[in-house]
Amino acid sequence: MNRTRFRNTVLGIGATAAALALGYFGVQQLGRNNMFTIAAAVGGAGAISYQKPSQPQAPNSEPEVPTAPIKTQRRRNKS
């Protein structure tokens, strides 16, 4: 396991433990319903901030050119 992966694993476990402790003590002080409200607000803010901004597409003034040339059949004159 390389250093970056190990560090991220340790930080993830630490963040999870901190969130559980904060939730536990928050319920003791603020009450269950207030903590549900706070959790929903934080979850919603995280979901909004996680979205990638959409990049507008530039209008294409030229028609699309086919990648392969189209072969046409020639008519043969019957004589």
C-alpha atoms as a PDB file:
ATOM      1  CA  MET A   1       0.000   0.000   0.000  1.00  0.00           C
ATOM      2  CA  ASN A   2       1.536   3.316  -0.988  1.00  0.00           C
ATOM      3  CA  ARG A   3       1.658   6.387   1.233  1.00  0.00           C
ATOM      4  CA  THR A   4      -1.164   8.299  -0.402  1.00  0.00           C
ATOM      5  CA  ARG A   5      -3.611   5.434  -0.157  1.00  0.00           C
ATOM      6  CA  PHE A   6      -2.629   4.756   3.450  1.00  0.00           C
ATOM      7  CA  ARG A   7      -2.991   8.427   4.384  1.00  0.00           C
ATOM      8  CA  ASN A   8      -6.408   8.640   2.721  1.00  0.00           C
ATOM      9  CA  THR A   9      -7.550   5.490   4.527  1.00  0.00           C
ATOM     10  CA  VAL A  10      -6.437   6.809   7.910  1.00  0.00           C
ATOM     11  CA  LEU A  11      -8.020  10.215   7.254  1.00  0.00           C
ATOM     12  CA  GLY A  12     -11.261   8.554   6.151  1.00  0.00           C
ATOM     13  CA  ILE A  13     -11.453   6.422   9.285  1.00  0.00           C
ATOM     14  CA  GLY A  14     -10.648   9.457  11.445  1.00  0.00           C
ATOM     15  CA  ALA A  15     -13.281  11.580   9.723  1.00  0.00           C
ATOM     16  CA  THR A  16     -15.869   8.834  10.183  1.00  0.00           C
ATOM     17  CA  ALA A  17     -15.051   8.505  13.896  1.00  0.00           C
ATOM     18  CA  ALA A  18     -15.223  12.283  14.315  1.00  0.00           C
ATOM     19  CA  ALA A  19     -18.600  12.429  12.547  1.00  0.00           C
ATOM     20  CA  LEU A  20     -19.991   9.660  14.769  1.00  0.00           C
ATOM     21  CA  ALA A  21     -18.727  11.366  17.914  1.00  0.00           C
ATOM     22  CA  LEU A  22     -20.104  14.728  16.807  1.00  0.00           C
ATOM     23  CA  GLY A  23     -23.467  13.140  16.052  1.00  0.00           C
ATOM     24  CA  TYR A  24     -23.582  11.315  19.375  1.00  0.00           C
ATOM     25  CA  PHE A  25     -22.728  14.368  21.472  1.00  0.00           C
ATOM     26  CA  GLY A  26     -24.860  16.613  19.283  1.00  0.00           C
ATOM     27  CA  VAL A  27     -27.919  14.490  19.988  1.00  0.00           C
ATOM     28  CA  GLN A  28     -27.178  14.712  23.704  1.00  0.00           C
ATOM     29  CA  GLN A  29     -27.057  18.511  23.596  1.00  0.00           C
ATOM     30  CA  LEU A  30     -29.407  19.531  20.764  1.00  0.00           C
ATOM     31  CA  GLY A  31     -31.925  16.730  20.545  1.00  0.00           C
ATOM     32  CA  ARG A  32     -32.684  14.153  17.882  1.00  0.00           C
ATOM     33  CA  ASN A  33     -34.850  16.246  15.569  1.00  0.00           C
ATOM     34  CA  ASN A  34     -32.370  19.130  15.448  1.00  0.00           C
ATOM     35  CA  MET A  35     -29.558  16.750  14.566  1.00  0.00           C
ATOM     36  CA  PHE A  36     -31.634  15.219  11.747  1.00  0.00           C
ATOM     37  CA  THR A  37     -32.185  18.736  10.414  1.00  0.00           C
ATOM     38  CA  ILE A  38     -28.479  19.566  10.603  1.00  0.00           C
ATOM     39  CA  ALA A  39     -27.537  16.257   8.948  1.00  0.00           C
ATOM     40  CA  ALA A  40     -30.003  16.850   6.107  1.00  0.00           C
ATOM     41  CA  ALA A  41     -28.677  20.375   5.552  1.00  0.00           C
ATOM     42  CA  VAL A  42     -25.049  19.220   5.492  1.00  0.00           C
ATOM     43  CA  GLY A  43     -25.904  16.312   3.193  1.00  0.00           C
ATOM     44  CA  GLY A  44     -27.775  18.606   0.813  1.00  0.00           C
ATOM     45  CA  ALA A  45     -24.923  21.117   0.753  1.00  0.00           C
ATOM     46  CA  GLY A  46     -22.469  18.321   0.023  1.00  0.00           C
ATOM     47  CA  ALA A  47     -24.599  16.996  -2.830  1.00  0.00           C
ATOM     48  CA  ILE A  48     -24.906  20.467  -4.361  1.00  0.00           C
ATOM     49  CA  SER A  49     -21.184  21.187  -4.084  1.00  0.00           C
ATOM     50  CA  TYR A  50     -20.259  17.782  -5.536  1.00  0.00           C
ATOM     51  CA  GLN A  51     -22.003  18.410  -8.868  1.00  0.00           C
ATOM     52  CA  LYS A  52     -19.695  19.184 -11.752  1.00  0.00           C
ATOM     53  CA  PRO A  53     -20.424  22.406 -13.601  1.00  0.00           C
ATOM     54  CA  SER A  54     -21.834  21.821 -17.042  1.00  0.00           C
ATOM     55  CA  GLN A  55     -19.825  23.313 -19.870  1.00  0.00           C
ATOM     56  CA  PRO A  56     -21.886  24.979 -22.576  1.00  0.00           C
ATOM     57  CA  GLN A  57     -21.282  23.654 -26.048  1.00  0.00           C
ATOM     58  CA  ALA A  58     -20.073  26.136 -28.616  1.00  0.00           C
ATOM     59  CA  PRO A  59     -22.470  26.513 -31.550  1.00  0.00           C
ATOM     60  CA  ASN A  60     -21.175  24.669 -34.564  1.00  0.00           C
ATOM     61  CA  SER A  61     -21.500  26.834 -37.669  1.00  0.00           C
ATOM     62  CA  GLU A  62     -20.049  24.217 -40.017  1.00  0.00           C
ATOM     63  CA  PRO A  63     -21.949  21.039 -40.915  1.00  0.00           C
ATOM     64  CA  GLU A  64     -20.478  17.759 -39.816  1.00  0.00           C
ATOM     65  CA  VAL A  65     -18.098  16.160 -42.263  1.00  0.00           C
ATOM     66  CA  PRO A  66     -18.394  12.387 -42.516  1.00  0.00           C
ATOM     67  CA  THR A  67     -15.307  10.547 -41.388  1.00  0.00           C
ATOM     68  CA  ALA A  68     -15.233   8.187 -44.363  1.00  0.00           C
ATOM     69  CA  PRO A  69     -15.842   9.364 -47.921  1.00  0.00           C
ATOM     70  CA  ILE A  70     -19.089   8.221 -49.465  1.00  0.00           C
ATOM     71  CA  LYS A  71     -18.653   6.332 -52.705  1.00  0.00           C
ATOM     72  CA  THR A  72     -21.150   6.926 -55.448  1.00  0.00           C
ATOM     73  CA  GLN A  73     -21.912   4.498 -58.250  1.00  0.00           C
ATOM     74  CA  ARG A  74     -21.489   5.620 -61.802  1.00  0.00           C
ATOM     75  CA  ARG A  75     -24.057   4.802 -64.413  1.00  0.00           C
ATOM     76  CA  ARG A  76     -22.769   2.919 -67.374  1.00  0.00           C
ATOM     77  CA  ASN A  77     -24.091   3.827 -70.762  1.00  0.00           C
ATOM     78  CA  LYS A  78     -25.577   0.855 -72.519  1.00  0.00           C
ATOM     79  CA  SER A  79     -24.956   0.979 -76.218  1.00  0.00           C
END
